[in-house]
């Protein structure tokens, strides 16, 4: 899902929005893990450990200069 979003919206000038979108996906992922977890709380420290094991792709802004020539 994220790769497709980054591929479509990864245009010059949109890197801030890509970063915000990634953060919102991380928060949603944590909420799902909180809901499904047997533990009453999932701290951000524990979530970061899980996140290091299962990282999300990082968005890249495409360079369109080579396509305009």
N, C-alpha and C. Protein backbone atom coordinates (compact mmCIF):
# COMPACT_ATOMS: atom_id res chain seq x y z
N UNK A 1 0.81 -1.18 0.00
CA UNK A 1 0.00 0.00 0.00
C UNK A 1 0.87 1.26 0.00
N UNK A 2 1.88 1.29 0.84
CA UNK A 2 2.71 2.48 0.93
C UNK A 2 3.54 2.71 -0.33
N UNK A 3 4.05 1.66 -0.91
CA UNK A 3 4.86 1.83 -2.11
C UNK A 3 4.04 2.45 -3.24
N UNK A 4 2.81 1.99 -3.41
CA UNK A 4 1.95 2.56 -4.43
C UNK A 4 1.62 4.01 -4.15
N UNK A 5 1.36 4.34 -2.89
CA UNK A 5 1.09 5.73 -2.52
C UNK A 5 2.30 6.60 -2.80
N UNK A 6 3.48 6.12 -2.41
CA UNK A 6 4.71 6.88 -2.65
C UNK A 6 4.98 7.02 -4.15
N UNK A 7 4.70 5.97 -4.91
CA UNK A 7 4.94 6.04 -6.35
C UNK A 7 4.03 7.07 -7.02
N UNK A 8 2.80 7.16 -6.56
CA UNK A 8 1.85 8.08 -7.18
C UNK A 8 2.05 9.52 -6.70
N UNK A 9 2.24 9.70 -5.39
CA UNK A 9 2.32 11.04 -4.82
C UNK A 9 3.75 11.51 -4.59
N UNK A 10 4.75 10.73 -4.97
CA UNK A 10 6.15 11.11 -4.75
C UNK A 10 6.64 12.08 -5.81
N UNK A 11 6.05 13.26 -5.86
CA UNK A 11 6.43 14.27 -6.83
C UNK A 11 7.19 15.38 -6.13
N UNK A 12 7.99 16.15 -6.85
CA UNK A 12 8.74 17.24 -6.21
C UNK A 12 7.80 18.20 -5.48
N UNK A 13 8.19 18.58 -4.28
CA UNK A 13 7.41 19.49 -3.46
C UNK A 13 6.41 18.80 -2.55
N UNK A 14 6.36 17.48 -2.56
CA UNK A 14 5.37 16.76 -1.77
C UNK A 14 6.01 15.92 -0.67
N UNK A 15 7.27 16.14 -0.37
CA UNK A 15 7.95 15.29 0.61
C UNK A 15 7.40 15.49 2.02
N UNK A 16 6.97 16.70 2.37
CA UNK A 16 6.41 16.93 3.69
C UNK A 16 5.13 16.13 3.88
N UNK A 17 4.28 16.12 2.87
CA UNK A 17 3.04 15.36 2.95
C UNK A 17 3.30 13.86 3.01
N UNK A 18 4.32 13.39 2.30
CA UNK A 18 4.67 11.96 2.38
C UNK A 18 5.11 11.58 3.79
N UNK A 19 5.87 12.46 4.42
CA UNK A 19 6.31 12.21 5.80
C UNK A 19 5.14 12.19 6.77
N UNK A 20 4.20 13.11 6.58
CA UNK A 20 3.01 13.14 7.43
C UNK A 20 2.17 11.88 7.24
N UNK A 21 2.04 11.45 6.00
CA UNK A 21 1.26 10.25 5.70
C UNK A 21 1.90 9.04 6.37
N UNK A 22 3.22 8.95 6.31
CA UNK A 22 3.93 7.82 6.93
C UNK A 22 3.70 7.82 8.44
N UNK A 23 3.73 9.00 9.07
CA UNK A 23 3.49 9.09 10.50
C UNK A 23 2.06 8.65 10.85
N UNK A 24 1.08 9.04 10.03
CA UNK A 24 -0.29 8.64 10.28
C UNK A 24 -0.47 7.12 10.14
N UNK A 25 0.24 6.53 9.19
CA UNK A 25 0.18 5.07 9.03
C UNK A 25 0.81 4.39 10.24
N UNK A 26 1.91 4.94 10.76
CA UNK A 26 2.53 4.38 11.96
C UNK A 26 1.56 4.44 13.15
N UNK A 27 0.88 5.57 13.30
CA UNK A 27 -0.08 5.70 14.40
C UNK A 27 -1.23 4.71 14.26
N UNK A 28 -1.71 4.54 13.04
CA UNK A 28 -2.80 3.59 12.80
C UNK A 28 -2.34 2.16 13.09
N UNK A 29 -1.11 1.84 12.67
CA UNK A 29 -0.55 0.51 12.92
C UNK A 29 -0.46 0.25 14.43
N UNK A 30 -0.02 1.26 15.18
CA UNK A 30 0.09 1.12 16.63
C UNK A 30 -1.29 0.93 17.26
N UNK A 31 -2.30 1.67 16.79
CA UNK A 31 -3.66 1.51 17.31
C UNK A 31 -4.17 0.09 17.09
N UNK A 32 -3.89 -0.46 15.91
CA UNK A 32 -4.31 -1.83 15.62
C UNK A 32 -3.61 -2.80 16.55
N UNK A 33 -2.32 -2.61 16.76
CA UNK A 33 -1.59 -3.49 17.67
C UNK A 33 -2.08 -3.35 19.10
N UNK A 34 -2.45 -2.13 19.51
CA UNK A 34 -3.01 -1.94 20.85
C UNK A 34 -4.32 -2.69 21.00
N UNK A 35 -5.13 -2.66 19.98
CA UNK A 35 -6.44 -3.31 20.03
C UNK A 35 -6.29 -4.83 20.06
N UNK A 36 -5.32 -5.35 19.33
CA UNK A 36 -5.16 -6.80 19.21
C UNK A 36 -4.26 -7.39 20.29
N UNK A 37 -3.57 -6.56 21.02
CA UNK A 37 -2.57 -7.03 21.97
C UNK A 37 -3.21 -7.60 23.23
N UNK A 38 -2.52 -8.53 23.85
CA UNK A 38 -2.95 -9.07 25.14
C UNK A 38 -2.51 -8.14 26.27
N UNK A 39 -1.54 -7.29 25.99
CA UNK A 39 -1.08 -6.33 27.00
C UNK A 39 -2.02 -5.14 27.02
N UNK A 40 -2.21 -4.55 28.19
CA UNK A 40 -3.13 -3.41 28.24
C UNK A 40 -2.60 -2.18 27.49
N UNK A 41 -1.29 -2.02 27.43
CA UNK A 41 -0.72 -0.87 26.73
C UNK A 41 0.50 -1.29 25.95
N UNK A 42 0.67 -0.66 24.81
CA UNK A 42 1.85 -0.86 23.99
C UNK A 42 2.57 0.48 23.96
N UNK A 43 3.67 0.58 24.67
CA UNK A 43 4.40 1.85 24.72
C UNK A 43 5.06 2.14 23.38
N UNK A 44 5.40 3.40 23.19
CA UNK A 44 6.09 3.77 21.95
C UNK A 44 7.46 3.10 21.89
N UNK A 45 8.09 2.87 23.03
CA UNK A 45 9.39 2.20 23.04
C UNK A 45 9.25 0.77 22.51
N UNK A 46 8.23 0.06 22.99
CA UNK A 46 7.99 -1.31 22.52
C UNK A 46 7.59 -1.31 21.05
N UNK A 47 6.77 -0.32 20.66
CA UNK A 47 6.38 -0.23 19.26
C UNK A 47 7.60 0.02 18.38
N UNK A 48 8.53 0.84 18.82
CA UNK A 48 9.74 1.11 18.04
C UNK A 48 10.60 -0.14 17.88
N UNK A 49 10.59 -1.02 18.88
CA UNK A 49 11.31 -2.30 18.75
C UNK A 49 10.64 -3.14 17.66
N UNK A 50 9.32 -3.21 17.68
CA UNK A 50 8.59 -3.94 16.65
C UNK A 50 8.83 -3.31 15.29
N UNK A 51 8.85 -1.99 15.26
CA UNK A 51 9.03 -1.26 14.02
C UNK A 51 10.41 -1.51 13.40
N UNK A 52 11.42 -1.72 14.24
CA UNK A 52 12.76 -2.03 13.71
C UNK A 52 12.79 -3.41 13.07
N UNK A 53 11.99 -4.34 13.59
CA UNK A 53 11.94 -5.69 13.03
C UNK A 53 11.14 -5.70 11.73
N UNK A 54 10.05 -4.92 11.70
CA UNK A 54 9.16 -4.85 10.53
C UNK A 54 9.08 -3.41 10.03
N UNK A 55 10.12 -2.91 9.37
CA UNK A 55 10.11 -1.50 8.96
C UNK A 55 9.17 -1.23 7.80
N UNK A 56 8.71 0.01 7.72
CA UNK A 56 7.89 0.45 6.59
C UNK A 56 8.81 1.09 5.56
N UNK A 57 8.43 1.03 4.29
CA UNK A 57 9.26 1.70 3.28
C UNK A 57 9.22 3.22 3.47
N UNK A 58 10.30 3.86 3.10
CA UNK A 58 10.40 5.32 3.20
C UNK A 58 10.10 5.90 1.83
N UNK A 59 9.29 6.94 1.81
CA UNK A 59 8.91 7.56 0.55
C UNK A 59 10.05 8.36 -0.07
N UNK A 60 10.13 8.31 -1.37
CA UNK A 60 11.14 9.05 -2.12
C UNK A 60 10.45 9.91 -3.15
N UNK A 61 10.95 11.11 -3.30
CA UNK A 61 10.41 12.01 -4.32
C UNK A 61 11.15 11.74 -5.62
N UNK A 62 10.38 11.50 -6.67
CA UNK A 62 10.98 11.21 -7.98
C UNK A 62 11.57 12.47 -8.58
N UNK A 63 12.60 12.30 -9.35
CA UNK A 63 13.20 13.40 -10.09
C UNK A 63 12.61 13.40 -11.50
N UNK A 64 11.90 14.43 -11.84
CA UNK A 64 11.21 14.48 -13.13
C UNK A 64 12.02 15.18 -14.21
N UNK A 65 13.19 15.68 -13.90
CA UNK A 65 13.97 16.44 -14.89
C UNK A 65 14.36 15.59 -16.09
N UNK A 66 14.68 14.31 -15.84
CA UNK A 66 15.10 13.46 -16.95
C UNK A 66 13.91 13.11 -17.86
N UNK A 67 12.69 13.18 -17.37
CA UNK A 67 11.52 12.86 -18.19
C UNK A 67 11.07 14.04 -19.04
N UNK A 68 11.46 15.25 -18.68
CA UNK A 68 11.01 16.44 -19.39
C UNK A 68 11.83 16.74 -20.64
N UNK A 69 12.98 16.10 -20.78
CA UNK A 69 13.86 16.38 -21.92
C UNK A 69 13.38 15.76 -23.20
